[in-house]
Amino acid sequence: MSPADAYNLCCQYHGKRVKITDSSGQVHVGEITRVDRRQVWILPDRRYRGYGLGFWGFGGSGFGYGIALGAILGIALAPIIFF
């Protein structure tokens, strides 16, 4: 997926729960909290190795953690339950 396509999808899914697969094969599940031209930030879902309710991002910003748009292979809306 090109960074421009990833940016457009992330903007479209902003505020929604998503499943993101990056170029290293890691799967990230959480809510998109912020998007810019270089990164997308997600607030991790605790059930999928996230940091839980006590984690408010680096430096207390509340954005979660960032994923480089160029490293994203796929983005999908995440249903309430994964199998």
Protein backbone atom coordinates (compact mmCIF):
# COMPACT_ATOMS: atom_id res chain seq x y z
CA MET A 1 0.00 0.00 0.00
CA SER A 2 1.40 3.40 -0.91
CA PRO A 3 1.81 6.01 1.85
CA ALA A 4 -0.75 8.25 0.09
CA ASP A 5 -3.34 5.44 0.08
CA ALA A 6 -2.58 4.64 3.72
CA TYR A 7 -2.98 8.34 4.63
CA ASN A 8 -6.36 8.56 2.87
CA LEU A 9 -7.65 5.40 4.55
CA CYS A 10 -6.43 6.53 7.96
CA CYS A 11 -8.19 9.88 7.51
CA GLN A 12 -11.35 8.04 6.48
CA TYR A 13 -11.16 5.74 9.53
CA HIS A 14 -10.13 8.44 12.04
CA GLY A 15 -11.87 7.78 15.38
CA LYS A 16 -12.73 4.21 14.43
CA ARG A 17 -11.30 0.91 15.67
CA VAL A 18 -8.97 -0.60 13.06
CA LYS A 19 -6.58 -3.47 12.47
CA ILE A 20 -3.29 -2.37 10.86
CA THR A 21 -0.65 -4.76 9.51
CA ASP A 22 2.82 -3.27 9.10
CA SER A 23 5.74 -4.29 6.87
CA SER A 24 7.32 -6.38 9.64
CA GLY A 25 4.15 -8.48 9.91
CA GLN A 26 3.06 -7.00 13.23
CA VAL A 27 -0.67 -6.48 13.71
CA HIS A 28 -1.88 -3.39 15.59
CA VAL A 29 -5.47 -3.13 16.81
CA GLY A 30 -6.89 0.07 18.24
CA GLU A 31 -8.64 3.37 17.62
CA ILE A 32 -7.05 5.91 15.24
CA THR A 33 -6.56 9.07 17.29
CA ARG A 34 -4.40 11.22 15.00
CA VAL A 35 -3.13 11.21 11.41
CA ASP A 36 -0.50 13.31 9.66
CA ARG A 37 1.40 12.88 6.39
CA ARG A 38 4.07 10.69 8.04
CA GLN A 39 2.36 8.70 10.81
CA VAL A 40 -0.91 7.43 12.17
CA TRP A 41 -1.41 7.15 15.92
CA ILE A 42 -3.58 4.45 17.45
CA LEU A 43 -4.75 3.97 21.00
CA PRO A 44 -4.11 0.24 21.47
CA ASP A 45 -6.81 -2.26 22.28
CA ARG A 46 -5.90 -3.99 25.50
CA ARG A 47 -7.08 -7.42 24.31
CA TYR A 48 -4.49 -7.41 21.52
CA ARG A 49 -1.27 -6.66 23.41
CA GLY A 50 -2.19 -3.01 23.89
CA TYR A 51 -1.27 -0.91 26.89
CA GLY A 52 -4.79 -0.70 28.32
CA LEU A 53 -6.62 2.20 29.91
CA GLY A 54 -3.63 3.41 31.92
CA PHE A 55 -1.57 4.17 28.82
CA TRP A 56 -2.07 7.67 27.43
CA GLY A 57 0.67 7.87 24.82
CA PHE A 58 4.23 9.06 25.05
CA GLY A 59 4.62 12.21 27.10
CA GLY A 60 0.98 12.11 28.19
CA SER A 61 -0.34 13.35 24.85
CA GLY A 62 -3.18 10.81 24.73
CA PHE A 63 -2.57 9.82 21.10
CA GLY A 64 -1.34 6.27 21.71
CA TYR A 65 1.66 5.27 19.60
CA GLY A 66 2.68 6.10 16.06
CA ILE A 67 3.06 3.87 13.02
CA ALA A 68 4.87 5.19 9.93
CA LEU A 69 2.52 5.39 6.95
CA GLY A 70 5.21 3.91 4.68
CA ALA A 71 5.33 0.78 6.86
CA ILE A 72 1.62 0.02 6.57
CA LEU A 73 0.71 -2.96 4.40
CA GLY A 74 -2.99 -3.08 5.18
CA ILE A 75 -5.75 -1.33 7.09
CA ALA A 76 -9.19 -2.72 7.87
CA LEU A 77 -12.01 -1.69 10.14
CA ALA A 78 -11.89 -3.95 13.17
CA PRO A 79 -15.04 -5.72 14.26
CA ILE A 80 -15.85 -5.91 17.94
CA ILE A 81 -14.53 -9.49 18.12
CA PHE A 82 -11.63 -11.04 16.17
CA PHE A 83 -11.33 -14.79 15.72
